[in-house]
Amino acid sequence: MLVVPATALDQIVRSTPALARDMGDVIDRRRAEVSAAVTAHVAPTGAPSSLAS
């Protein structure tokens, strides 16, 4: 497994427009997935579904 320091990875991504765009798409997609999962887990009252019963 290759481990790259975050600052080095950030420099690589920023210097490669296509990679930056692809990473942005991945981040946006994951953000949408997490948001949907949180929304599905939270009851309409705003309480977590496990506490709503």
N, C-alpha and C. Protein backbone atom coordinates (compact mmCIF):
# COMPACT_ATOMS: atom_id res chain seq x y z
N MET A 1 0.84 -1.18 0.00
CA MET A 1 0.00 0.00 0.00
C MET A 1 0.89 1.24 0.00
N LEU A 2 0.61 2.14 -0.90
CA LEU A 2 1.37 3.38 -1.01
C LEU A 2 0.74 4.43 -0.11
N VAL A 3 1.54 5.01 0.76
CA VAL A 3 1.06 6.06 1.64
C VAL A 3 1.72 7.36 1.21
N VAL A 4 0.89 8.34 0.87
CA VAL A 4 1.39 9.64 0.41
C VAL A 4 0.90 10.70 1.39
N PRO A 5 1.81 11.54 1.90
CA PRO A 5 1.36 12.62 2.80
C PRO A 5 0.28 13.47 2.13
N ALA A 6 -0.66 13.92 2.91
CA ALA A 6 -1.80 14.69 2.38
C ALA A 6 -1.34 15.91 1.59
N THR A 7 -0.31 16.59 2.06
CA THR A 7 0.15 17.79 1.35
C THR A 7 0.72 17.42 -0.01
N ALA A 8 1.45 16.32 -0.09
CA ALA A 8 2.01 15.88 -1.37
C ALA A 8 0.89 15.47 -2.32
N LEU A 9 -0.09 14.74 -1.80
CA LEU A 9 -1.22 14.32 -2.62
C LEU A 9 -1.99 15.54 -3.12
N ASP A 10 -2.18 16.51 -2.26
CA ASP A 10 -2.87 17.74 -2.65
C ASP A 10 -2.13 18.44 -3.79
N GLN A 11 -0.80 18.50 -3.71
CA GLN A 11 0.00 19.13 -4.76
C GLN A 11 -0.13 18.37 -6.07
N ILE A 12 -0.13 17.04 -6.00
CA ILE A 12 -0.28 16.23 -7.21
C ILE A 12 -1.63 16.47 -7.85
N VAL A 13 -2.68 16.44 -7.04
CA VAL A 13 -4.03 16.63 -7.56
C VAL A 13 -4.18 18.03 -8.17
N ARG A 14 -3.69 19.05 -7.48
CA ARG A 14 -3.83 20.42 -7.98
C ARG A 14 -3.05 20.64 -9.27
N SER A 15 -1.95 19.94 -9.44
CA SER A 15 -1.13 20.14 -10.64
C SER A 15 -1.64 19.34 -11.83
N THR A 16 -2.64 18.51 -11.62
CA THR A 16 -3.19 17.68 -12.69
C THR A 16 -4.68 17.98 -12.81
N PRO A 17 -5.09 18.89 -13.70
CA PRO A 17 -6.49 19.30 -13.80
C PRO A 17 -7.48 18.14 -13.96
N ALA A 18 -7.15 17.16 -14.78
CA ALA A 18 -8.07 16.03 -14.98
C ALA A 18 -8.23 15.24 -13.69
N LEU A 19 -7.12 15.03 -12.99
CA LEU A 19 -7.18 14.30 -11.72
C LEU A 19 -7.95 15.10 -10.68
N ALA A 20 -7.72 16.39 -10.65
CA ALA A 20 -8.45 17.25 -9.71
C ALA A 20 -9.95 17.18 -9.97
N ARG A 21 -10.34 17.20 -11.23
CA ARG A 21 -11.75 17.12 -11.59
C ARG A 21 -12.33 15.76 -11.17
N ASP A 22 -11.59 14.68 -11.45
CA ASP A 22 -12.06 13.34 -11.08
C ASP A 22 -12.18 13.20 -9.57
N MET A 23 -11.20 13.71 -8.84
CA MET A 23 -11.25 13.63 -7.37
C MET A 23 -12.41 14.46 -6.84
N GLY A 24 -12.65 15.61 -7.45
CA GLY A 24 -13.79 16.43 -7.05
C GLY A 24 -15.10 15.70 -7.26
N ASP A 25 -15.20 14.98 -8.39
CA ASP A 25 -16.40 14.19 -8.67
C ASP A 25 -16.58 13.08 -7.63
N VAL A 26 -15.49 12.42 -7.28
CA VAL A 26 -15.55 11.35 -6.28
C VAL A 26 -15.99 11.92 -4.93
N ILE A 27 -15.41 13.04 -4.54
CA ILE A 27 -15.76 13.67 -3.27
C ILE A 27 -17.22 14.10 -3.26
N ASP A 28 -17.69 14.70 -4.35
CA ASP A 28 -19.10 15.11 -4.44
C ASP A 28 -20.03 13.92 -4.35
N ARG A 29 -19.67 12.83 -5.02
CA ARG A 29 -20.50 11.62 -5.01
C ARG A 29 -20.57 11.03 -3.60
N ARG A 30 -19.41 10.94 -2.92
CA ARG A 30 -19.39 10.40 -1.56
C ARG A 30 -20.18 11.30 -0.61
N ARG A 31 -20.06 12.60 -0.78
CA ARG A 31 -20.79 13.54 0.07
C ARG A 31 -22.29 13.32 -0.10
N ALA A 32 -22.74 13.12 -1.34
CA ALA A 32 -24.16 12.87 -1.60
C ALA A 32 -24.60 11.55 -0.99
N GLU A 33 -23.75 10.51 -1.08
CA GLU A 33 -24.09 9.21 -0.49
C GLU A 33 -24.22 9.31 1.03
N VAL A 34 -23.29 10.01 1.66
CA VAL A 34 -23.33 10.17 3.12
C VAL A 34 -24.56 10.97 3.52
N SER A 35 -24.85 12.02 2.79
CA SER A 35 -26.03 12.84 3.09
C SER A 35 -27.30 12.01 2.99
N ALA A 36 -27.41 11.19 1.94
CA ALA A 36 -28.59 10.34 1.77
C ALA A 36 -28.69 9.32 2.90
N ALA A 37 -27.57 8.75 3.31
CA ALA A 37 -27.58 7.77 4.39
C ALA A 37 -28.00 8.41 5.70
N VAL A 38 -27.51 9.60 5.98
CA VAL A 38 -27.88 10.31 7.21
C VAL A 38 -29.36 10.65 7.17
N THR A 39 -29.84 11.15 6.04
CA THR A 39 -31.26 11.49 5.90
C THR A 39 -32.13 10.27 6.11
N ALA A 40 -31.73 9.13 5.57
CA ALA A 40 -32.51 7.90 5.72
C ALA A 40 -32.50 7.41 7.17
N HIS A 41 -31.44 7.71 7.90
CA HIS A 41 -31.30 7.23 9.28
C HIS A 41 -32.04 8.11 10.28
N VAL A 42 -32.29 9.34 9.92
CA VAL A 42 -32.92 10.30 10.84
C VAL A 42 -34.43 10.31 10.61
N ALA A 43 -35.18 10.19 11.70
CA ALA A 43 -36.65 10.20 11.63
C ALA A 43 -37.14 11.60 11.26
N PRO A 44 -38.37 11.72 10.76
CA PRO A 44 -38.91 13.04 10.38
C PRO A 44 -38.89 14.06 11.51
N THR A 45 -38.92 13.62 12.76
CA THR A 45 -38.92 14.55 13.89
C THR A 45 -37.53 15.11 14.16
N GLY A 46 -36.53 14.53 13.51
CA GLY A 46 -35.16 14.98 13.72
C GLY A 46 -34.42 14.08 14.70
N ALA A 47 -35.13 13.16 15.35
CA ALA A 47 -34.49 12.22 16.26
C ALA A 47 -33.99 11.03 15.46
N PRO A 48 -32.87 10.44 15.86
CA PRO A 48 -32.41 9.23 15.16
C PRO A 48 -33.50 8.17 15.19
N SER A 49 -33.62 7.41 14.12
CA SER A 49 -34.70 6.43 14.01
C SER A 49 -34.68 5.42 15.15
N SER A 50 -33.49 5.12 15.70
CA SER A 50 -33.41 4.17 16.80
C SER A 50 -34.03 4.73 18.08
N LEU A 51 -34.15 6.05 18.18
CA LEU A 51 -34.74 6.67 19.37
C LEU A 51 -36.20 7.06 19.16
N ALA A 52 -36.70 6.94 17.94
CA ALA A 52 -38.05 7.42 17.63
C ALA A 52 -39.14 6.48 18.14
N SER A 53 -38.80 5.24 18.44
CA SER A 53 -39.85 4.29 18.85
C SER A 53 -40.22 4.40 20.30
